[in-house]
Amino acid sequence: MSVPLYQAKAELFRLLGHPVRIRVLELLQDGPTPVRDLLAAIDVEPTGLSQHLAVLRRSGLVSAQRDGATVVYALAGGQVAGLLRAARELLTEKLSGQNELLSELRGEKAETGA
């Protein structure tokens, strides 16, 4: 039995709904990264990072490769980076609208002396 597309999308967004997972994906945009470097860049306990990496790996968003005693993670495809860019663009658009409103409000205060 197949899952409706809207439900699959909701599951993807739930998966991405944690700041640590988003941060991991952002860091991996720069290329494959050893776990120790991810730990150094993210304020999280090693066990917590391990759990988040396992979720991302099971979902197919990241891949892991062992290099001796080191595990190196990488984005599984370019679509993940595209999704993060789209999120940045949406947030930029939203926040710039808020800045315009704030500027208007500040200008209105100056004009009315209030």
Protein backbone atom coordinates (compact mmCIF):
# COMPACT_ATOMS: atom_id res chain seq x y z
CA MET A 1 0.00 0.00 0.00
CA SER A 2 1.56 3.29 -1.08
CA VAL A 3 1.66 6.43 1.02
CA PRO A 4 0.04 9.58 -0.44
CA LEU A 5 2.57 12.16 -1.61
CA TYR A 6 1.41 14.78 0.91
CA GLN A 7 1.98 12.29 3.72
CA ALA A 8 5.46 11.45 2.45
CA LYS A 9 6.29 15.17 2.29
CA ALA A 10 5.02 15.68 5.84
CA GLU A 11 7.25 12.82 7.00
CA LEU A 12 10.26 14.44 5.31
CA PHE A 13 9.58 17.77 7.01
CA ARG A 14 9.14 16.01 10.37
CA LEU A 15 12.51 14.36 9.80
CA LEU A 16 14.06 17.77 9.13
CA GLY A 17 12.28 19.31 12.11
CA HIS A 18 15.24 19.27 14.48
CA PRO A 19 17.94 22.00 14.58
CA VAL A 20 20.78 19.49 14.99
CA ARG A 21 19.76 17.63 11.83
CA ILE A 22 19.52 20.87 9.86
CA ARG A 23 22.94 21.94 11.14
CA VAL A 24 24.46 18.59 10.17
CA LEU A 25 23.05 18.93 6.66
CA GLU A 26 24.36 22.49 6.40
CA LEU A 27 27.85 21.40 7.43
CA LEU A 28 27.82 18.50 4.98
CA GLN A 29 27.15 20.91 2.10
CA ASP A 30 30.87 21.74 2.27
CA GLY A 31 31.73 18.11 1.55
CA PRO A 32 32.25 14.82 3.38
CA THR A 33 32.94 15.43 7.06
CA PRO A 34 34.28 13.17 9.83
CA VAL A 35 32.10 12.77 12.91
CA ARG A 36 34.72 14.46 15.11
CA ASP A 37 34.47 17.62 12.98
CA LEU A 38 30.67 17.57 13.19
CA LEU A 39 30.93 17.23 16.97
CA ALA A 40 33.33 20.18 17.15
CA ALA A 41 30.93 22.36 15.14
CA ILE A 42 27.68 21.41 16.89
CA ASP A 43 26.91 21.84 20.58
CA VAL A 44 25.52 18.36 21.23
CA GLU A 45 26.57 15.26 23.14
CA PRO A 46 28.21 12.51 21.06
CA THR A 47 25.32 10.11 21.72
CA GLY A 48 22.81 12.74 20.60
CA LEU A 49 24.72 13.43 17.40
CA SER A 50 24.97 9.70 16.75
CA GLN A 51 21.19 9.36 17.04
CA HIS A 52 20.56 12.26 14.66
CA LEU A 53 23.07 10.90 12.16
CA ALA A 54 21.38 7.49 12.32
CA VAL A 55 18.00 9.09 11.52
CA LEU A 56 19.49 11.00 8.58
CA ARG A 57 21.27 7.88 7.33
CA ARG A 58 18.13 5.70 7.56
CA SER A 59 16.18 8.34 5.67
CA GLY A 60 18.72 8.27 2.85
CA LEU A 61 19.64 11.95 3.18
CA VAL A 62 23.22 11.22 4.21
CA SER A 63 25.65 8.41 3.61
CA ALA A 64 28.39 7.14 5.88
CA GLN A 65 31.72 5.61 5.01
CA ARG A 66 34.27 4.20 7.41
CA ASP A 67 37.86 5.28 6.95
CA GLY A 68 39.81 3.26 9.50
CA ALA A 69 38.49 4.26 12.93
CA THR A 70 36.82 7.39 11.50
CA VAL A 71 33.30 7.57 10.08
CA VAL A 72 32.86 10.20 7.40
CA TYR A 73 29.39 11.50 6.51
CA ALA A 74 28.28 13.10 3.24
CA LEU A 75 25.07 14.33 1.66
CA ALA A 76 23.48 11.52 -0.31
CA GLY A 77 22.50 13.83 -3.17
CA GLY A 78 22.40 17.39 -4.45
CA GLN A 79 18.68 17.69 -3.81
CA VAL A 80 19.31 18.07 -0.06
CA ALA A 81 21.50 21.13 -0.67
CA GLY A 82 18.80 22.50 -2.98
CA LEU A 83 16.18 22.07 -0.28
CA LEU A 84 18.36 23.95 2.22
CA ARG A 85 18.91 26.76 -0.32
CA ALA A 86 15.14 26.97 -0.90
CA ALA A 87 14.55 27.21 2.86
CA ARG A 88 17.13 30.02 3.10
CA GLU A 89 15.43 31.89 0.25
CA LEU A 90 11.99 31.53 1.87
CA LEU A 91 13.32 32.79 5.20
CA THR A 92 15.15 35.68 3.53
CA GLU A 93 11.97 36.72 1.75
CA LYS A 94 9.93 36.45 4.94
CA LEU A 95 12.42 38.39 7.04
CA SER A 96 12.93 41.11 4.45
CA GLY A 97 9.16 41.68 4.50
CA GLN A 98 9.35 42.08 8.26
CA ASN A 99 12.21 44.57 7.93
CA GLU A 100 10.17 46.61 5.46
CA LEU A 101 7.26 46.69 7.90
CA LEU A 102 9.60 47.64 10.75
CA SER A 103 11.07 50.47 8.63
CA GLU A 104 7.57 51.71 7.85
CA LEU A 105 6.62 51.64 11.52
CA ARG A 106 9.77 53.51 12.51
CA GLY A 107 9.17 56.08 9.79
CA GLU A 108 5.58 56.54 10.93
CA LYS A 109 6.73 57.16 14.52
CA ALA A 110 9.17 59.81 13.34
CA GLU A 111 6.52 61.56 11.24
CA THR A 112 3.88 61.62 13.99
CA GLY A 113 6.28 62.35 16.83
CA ALA A 114 4.82 59.37 18.74
